[in-house]
Each structure stands twice: as structure tokens, then as C-alpha cells.
Amino acid sequence: MDTSTILQLYDQQERQQGSHSLYRREVTPDVVRHICTLPERLHFIIYSNLTAVSADRVIQEQIAYFQTIGGFGLEWKVYDHDQPPDLKERLIAHGFQPGEAEGLLVLDMEEAPPIYWKPVTADVRRVTTIEQARDIVAIQEQVWDDDFGWLEAQLSEFMAEPDFWSIYLACVDDKPVCAAWASFPPGSQFAGLWGGATLAAYRGRGMYTALVNTRAQEARQRGYRFLTIDATDMSRAILEKRGFRFLTSTYPYTWKPSLL
């Protein structure tokens, strides 16, 4: 399947129709927004149907709406093909702060290299306890040098929804060194890969690859056709060598009440 067709499917199934654990989905004529139930996480807008004429009005309407419901703030996720072409500049003009661009990559599992389906020999463990969730928080904080205290509560909620989420740790000599999780949204052909991070001292030893393969095998067993990931430069090169294809670039724009 060509990437333009896959991107159209992704827009429909994931951006327009997709549901997300821990979020309430709301659809308006102009945007699809998701309201988070956790107070320390951002609400988000993942799809918009805007024109040069309507964009500024709709952006301001969303700010006003999120001011009324409260919460930590709003992330508006922009994709390269979103309209109007200057949407990113308009968001900045309304007080949104740009984040780091990522590449949306996809693996069509009907065309995936055979290496994905070989047995995983690394010590990969499914996360089922709060102690393991804390190990993941520690890995994320070391890798990204940032505060991930909020992640423990989120992972705890994920563990309560095993039909939607699977969380994994890879260990070396019983030490947790790599963590990642996967989402399995209902009514979609796309399983999502999230959170991949490996301690610096253990990179190059196949831990990240083991977690990708583990999640790919689970996704195929569950009947999903595609794997997607928002990839940083750190992981994009690895994934493209292993059959993932680039679909488009994505850009997070964040508005918080404190920024006003």
C-alpha cells in the first residue's frame, strides 16, 4: 500500500475517529479534541478542518473553551498537510509555544521484514506493578533529563486497561534499562508505539529493537495491520532501516493558561 493511501486511512481512523484511553473525545464542525481525566496532563486537538478564513476564529474559540474547563493546558498537534498552510504561524500568534518536530512513521505488517517475527531472546517483561512503573519513570527521567513524575499515574491507569495498552520493560542482568508501551485503539487498523527509551550505557545492545519486535508481534496477534510511531531523530534512523516508512512530519503546539 502506498504511503499517501496509508496517510488518508490514518487521518480517518486515528485523527478523526480515534478514541484515546483516559480522554473524552469531543467532535465539533472544526476540530476533534480530547479532554484528559488526569489533572497534570494536557488536553489535545489532533484534527482540524480549517480554512484561511476560519482558522483564527476557531483557534480563539478553542482557547476560550479550554479556559472554561480548566486543566493543565492544550496541545494542538499539527501535521504537515493540515490547512491552512500557515496554521503553525497562526497558533504562535495566539500564544501557542512550538515543540520539537517529529516524524510520523508507519510499518505495514503485511510487508514487514521477517526479522520482526523471530523469537525475542532479550529479557522483556510485561509491566503489571507500580514498582515496575516507577522503574519506567526513572528510565525516562535519566534519558530525557526531565521530570516524569506524572508518568507513574498514567502508567497505573494504562495497566488497568490491558485491552487498550501493553507496557514493557527490557532488563539486563535484572536491571531495567529500556521501556516502551503500545496502544491498541478499537475500530482502527493502527497500533501505536510509545515511550521508547534506553539508558545510554545500554544502547547498541538490541534492547530497543527487542521492544519494537515484542510490540509488533502482539499487534499482529491482535489483528492490526499497521504500526505507527512519532519518531525523534534518535529512533527514526533505526526504524527506517527496519522497514518503517515516513508518512509526514508532526508538530506539537502548546497553550497553557500560565502563558497568557
Protein backbone atom coordinates (compact mmCIF):
# COMPACT_ATOMS: atom_id res chain seq x y z
CA MET A 1 0.00 0.00 0.00
CA ASP A 2 1.39 3.45 -0.89
CA THR A 3 2.08 6.00 1.83
CA SER A 4 -0.49 8.53 0.60
CA THR A 5 -3.27 5.94 0.97
CA ILE A 6 -1.98 4.95 4.42
CA LEU A 7 -1.93 8.61 5.48
CA GLN A 8 -5.55 9.03 4.36
CA LEU A 9 -6.51 5.98 6.44
CA TYR A 10 -4.58 7.34 9.40
CA ASP A 11 -6.34 10.70 9.18
CA GLN A 12 -9.69 8.98 9.13
CA GLN A 13 -9.20 6.21 11.69
CA GLU A 14 -6.81 7.84 14.14
CA ARG A 15 -7.30 11.59 13.87
CA GLN A 16 -10.99 11.93 13.00
CA GLN A 17 -12.49 8.80 14.57
CA GLY A 18 -9.89 7.63 17.07
CA SER A 19 -10.52 7.31 20.80
CA HIS A 20 -7.83 7.54 23.44
CA SER A 21 -7.67 5.92 26.84
CA LEU A 22 -8.04 8.46 29.69
CA TYR A 23 -9.54 11.05 27.33
CA ARG A 24 -13.08 12.11 26.47
CA ARG A 25 -13.49 12.68 22.73
CA GLU A 26 -15.41 15.73 21.52
CA VAL A 27 -16.19 16.47 17.87
CA THR A 28 -17.10 19.90 16.53
CA PRO A 29 -17.51 21.02 12.90
CA ASP A 30 -13.97 22.43 13.07
CA VAL A 31 -11.86 20.22 15.37
CA VAL A 32 -11.62 16.87 17.13
CA ARG A 33 -10.48 17.42 20.70
CA HIS A 34 -9.72 15.07 23.57
CA ILE A 35 -10.25 16.04 27.20
CA CYS A 36 -7.88 14.39 29.68
CA THR A 37 -9.10 13.00 33.00
CA LEU A 38 -5.68 13.42 34.64
CA PRO A 39 -5.07 16.92 36.03
CA GLU A 40 -1.35 17.05 35.16
CA ARG A 41 -1.73 16.07 31.50
CA LEU A 42 -2.54 18.26 28.53
CA HIS A 43 -5.82 18.11 26.68
CA PHE A 44 -5.20 17.88 22.95
CA ILE A 45 -6.56 18.64 19.50
CA ILE A 46 -5.46 16.06 16.94
CA TYR A 47 -7.54 17.03 13.89
CA SER A 48 -8.83 20.28 12.46
CA ASN A 49 -10.83 21.27 9.40
CA LEU A 50 -9.85 24.90 8.91
CA THR A 51 -9.52 27.46 6.15
CA ALA A 52 -7.65 30.74 5.87
CA VAL A 53 -10.94 32.47 6.68
CA SER A 54 -11.95 30.35 9.69
CA ALA A 55 -8.62 29.48 11.32
CA ASP A 56 -8.12 32.47 13.64
CA ARG A 57 -11.73 32.38 14.82
CA VAL A 58 -11.57 28.65 15.59
CA ILE A 59 -8.23 28.91 17.37
CA GLN A 60 -9.59 31.63 19.63
CA GLU A 61 -12.77 29.63 20.25
CA GLN A 62 -10.70 26.65 21.40
CA ILE A 63 -8.65 28.79 23.77
CA ALA A 64 -11.85 30.18 25.26
CA TYR A 65 -13.31 26.70 25.62
CA PHE A 66 -10.27 25.27 27.38
CA GLN A 67 -10.15 28.27 29.68
CA THR A 68 -13.65 27.36 30.85
CA ILE A 69 -12.96 23.67 31.53
CA GLY A 70 -9.61 24.19 33.24
CA GLY A 71 -6.81 21.67 33.36
CA PHE A 72 -3.11 21.77 32.64
CA GLY A 73 -3.37 23.17 29.13
CA LEU A 74 -3.79 22.20 25.48
CA GLU A 75 -1.59 20.61 22.85
CA TRP A 76 -2.61 21.24 19.24
CA LYS A 77 -0.89 18.66 17.08
CA VAL A 78 -0.27 19.94 13.56
CA TYR A 79 0.52 17.68 10.60
CA ASP A 80 2.34 18.94 7.51
CA HIS A 81 -0.70 18.59 5.27
CA ASP A 82 -3.08 20.43 7.63
CA GLN A 83 -4.73 23.57 6.35
CA PRO A 84 -4.30 26.46 6.10
CA PRO A 85 -0.58 26.23 5.22
CA ASP A 86 0.29 28.88 7.83
CA LEU A 87 -1.57 27.16 10.68
CA LYS A 88 1.62 26.87 12.75
CA GLU A 89 2.28 30.60 12.50
CA ARG A 90 -1.33 31.38 13.43
CA LEU A 91 -1.10 29.19 16.55
CA ILE A 92 2.05 31.03 17.64
CA ALA A 93 0.28 34.35 17.10
CA HIS A 94 -2.43 33.16 19.52
CA GLY A 95 0.05 32.27 22.25
CA PHE A 96 0.91 28.65 21.49
CA GLN A 97 4.50 27.54 22.05
CA PRO A 98 6.12 25.28 19.40
CA GLY A 99 7.67 21.99 20.39
CA GLU A 100 10.10 19.65 18.68
CA ALA A 101 9.06 18.28 15.29
CA GLU A 102 8.75 14.51 14.94
CA GLY A 103 8.33 12.17 12.02
CA LEU A 104 5.21 10.01 11.78
CA LEU A 105 6.47 6.60 10.65
CA VAL A 106 4.45 3.54 9.68
CA LEU A 107 5.16 -0.16 9.28
CA ASP A 108 2.79 -2.16 7.08
CA MET A 109 2.99 -5.52 8.79
CA GLU A 110 1.90 -7.32 5.63
CA GLU A 111 5.19 -6.12 4.12
CA ALA A 112 7.37 -6.20 7.25
CA PRO A 113 10.83 -7.84 7.14
CA PRO A 114 10.91 -11.37 8.63
CA ILE A 115 13.17 -10.19 11.46
CA TYR A 116 10.09 -8.81 13.25
CA TRP A 117 8.62 -12.27 13.68
CA LYS A 118 11.67 -14.05 15.08
CA PRO A 119 11.50 -15.03 18.78
CA VAL A 120 12.61 -12.23 21.12
CA THR A 121 15.54 -13.52 23.18
CA ALA A 122 16.13 -10.43 25.33
CA ASP A 123 14.74 -10.27 28.87
CA VAL A 124 11.47 -8.45 28.08
CA ARG A 125 8.85 -8.21 30.81
CA ARG A 126 5.25 -7.06 30.71
CA VAL A 127 4.67 -4.31 33.27
CA THR A 128 1.97 -5.16 35.80
CA THR A 129 3.06 -3.49 39.07
CA ILE A 130 3.51 0.04 40.33
CA GLU A 131 7.13 -0.79 41.17
CA GLN A 132 7.80 -1.54 37.51
CA ALA A 133 6.04 1.68 36.55
CA ARG A 134 8.44 3.56 38.82
CA ASP A 135 11.35 1.86 37.04
CA ILE A 136 9.99 3.28 33.78
CA VAL A 137 9.74 6.76 35.28
CA ALA A 138 13.39 6.51 36.36
CA ILE A 139 14.48 5.45 32.87
CA GLN A 140 12.57 8.28 31.20
CA GLU A 141 13.99 10.87 33.59
CA GLN A 142 17.56 9.69 33.03
CA VAL A 143 17.21 9.56 29.25
CA TRP A 144 15.44 12.90 28.79
CA ASP A 145 16.79 14.75 31.85
CA ASP A 146 13.30 15.96 32.73
CA ASP A 147 10.61 15.43 35.35
CA PHE A 148 8.38 12.44 34.55
CA GLY A 149 6.68 12.24 37.92
CA TRP A 150 3.29 12.45 36.20
CA LEU A 151 4.02 9.25 34.25
CA GLU A 152 3.52 6.92 37.22
CA ALA A 153 -0.19 7.79 37.48
CA GLN A 154 -0.62 7.48 33.72
CA LEU A 155 1.01 4.05 33.58
CA SER A 156 -1.09 2.93 36.52
CA GLU A 157 -4.20 3.86 34.54
CA PHE A 158 -2.82 2.06 31.49
CA MET A 159 -2.30 -1.14 33.47
CA ALA A 160 -6.00 -1.07 34.33
CA GLU A 161 -6.86 -1.18 30.60
CA PRO A 162 -4.96 -4.18 29.18
CA ASP A 163 -7.22 -4.36 26.13
CA PHE A 164 -6.01 -0.90 25.09
CA TRP A 165 -2.43 -0.76 26.46
CA SER A 166 0.56 -3.07 26.82
CA ILE A 167 3.63 -1.84 28.73
CA TYR A 168 7.07 -3.44 28.62
CA LEU A 169 10.47 -3.29 30.29
CA ALA A 170 13.68 -4.77 28.90
CA CYS A 171 16.24 -5.80 31.51
CA VAL A 172 19.94 -6.64 31.52
CA ASP A 173 21.18 -8.68 34.49
CA ASP A 174 17.82 -7.97 36.16
CA LYS A 175 18.29 -4.19 35.77
CA PRO A 176 15.53 -2.29 33.90
CA VAL A 177 17.27 -0.47 31.03
CA CYS A 178 14.64 0.15 28.36
CA ALA A 179 10.91 0.86 28.46
CA ALA A 180 8.12 1.25 25.93
CA TRP A 181 4.40 0.69 25.54
CA ALA A 182 1.83 0.16 22.79
CA SER A 183 -1.76 1.27 22.22
CA PHE A 184 -4.43 -0.83 20.54
CA PRO A 185 -7.34 1.50 19.75
CA PRO A 186 -10.67 -0.13 18.90
CA GLY A 187 -12.03 0.26 15.39
CA SER A 188 -8.62 1.09 13.91
CA GLN A 189 -6.04 -0.72 11.82
CA PHE A 190 -3.25 1.24 13.53
CA ALA A 191 -1.47 0.14 16.70
CA GLY A 192 0.71 2.83 18.23
CA LEU A 193 4.23 2.62 19.64
CA TRP A 194 5.07 4.96 22.53
CA GLY A 195 7.67 5.81 25.10
CA GLY A 196 10.73 4.00 23.75
CA ALA A 197 13.78 5.00 25.80
CA THR A 198 17.03 3.18 26.61
CA LEU A 199 19.60 4.11 29.23
CA ALA A 200 22.69 5.49 27.49
CA ALA A 201 25.03 2.82 28.88
CA TYR A 202 22.91 0.06 27.34
CA ARG A 203 22.32 1.41 23.83
CA GLY A 204 23.53 -0.65 20.91
CA ARG A 205 22.68 -3.92 22.64
CA GLY A 206 19.34 -4.57 20.97
CA MET A 207 17.06 -3.57 23.82
CA TYR A 208 15.06 -1.00 21.85
CA THR A 209 14.78 -3.44 18.93
CA ALA A 210 13.55 -6.18 21.27
CA LEU A 211 10.72 -3.96 22.50
CA VAL A 212 9.77 -2.94 18.96
CA ASN A 213 9.61 -6.60 17.92
CA THR A 214 7.65 -7.59 21.02
CA ARG A 215 5.04 -4.95 20.35
CA ALA A 216 4.90 -5.71 16.62
CA GLN A 217 4.24 -9.38 17.33
CA GLU A 218 1.49 -8.51 19.79
CA ALA A 219 -0.10 -6.08 17.32
CA ARG A 220 -0.16 -8.75 14.60
CA GLN A 221 -1.67 -11.27 17.02
CA ARG A 222 -4.38 -8.73 17.86
CA GLY A 223 -5.21 -8.26 14.17
CA TYR A 224 -3.74 -4.82 13.47
CA ARG A 225 -2.20 -4.15 10.07
CA PHE A 226 -0.08 -1.06 10.78
CA LEU A 227 2.33 0.12 13.44
CA THR A 228 2.84 3.87 13.85
CA ILE A 229 5.26 5.92 15.88
CA ASP A 230 6.07 9.59 16.32
CA ALA A 231 9.82 9.25 15.98
CA THR A 232 12.57 11.54 17.13
CA ASP A 233 15.82 11.62 15.21
CA MET A 234 17.25 9.22 17.81
CA SER A 235 14.89 6.40 16.81
CA ARG A 236 13.88 7.33 13.26
CA ALA A 237 17.09 6.13 11.63
CA ILE A 238 16.84 2.76 13.40
CA LEU A 239 13.21 2.27 12.43
CA GLU A 240 13.61 3.26 8.77
CA LYS A 241 16.40 0.69 8.41
CA ARG A 242 13.90 -1.88 9.66
CA GLY A 243 11.10 -1.21 7.21
CA PHE A 244 9.22 1.75 8.68
CA ARG A 245 8.26 4.43 6.17
CA PHE A 246 7.94 8.15 6.66
CA LEU A 247 4.38 9.50 6.32
CA THR A 248 4.61 13.14 7.39
CA SER A 249 6.06 15.48 9.98
CA THR A 250 4.12 16.44 13.11
CA TYR A 251 4.49 19.49 15.33
CA PRO A 252 3.18 19.97 18.88
CA TYR A 253 1.96 23.45 19.79
CA THR A 254 1.20 24.00 23.46
CA TRP A 255 -1.05 26.55 25.11
CA LYS A 256 -1.19 26.85 28.90
CA PRO A 257 -3.18 29.30 31.00
CA SER A 258 0.07 30.41 32.65
CA LEU A 259 1.41 31.50 29.26
CA LEU A 260 -1.22 34.21 28.92
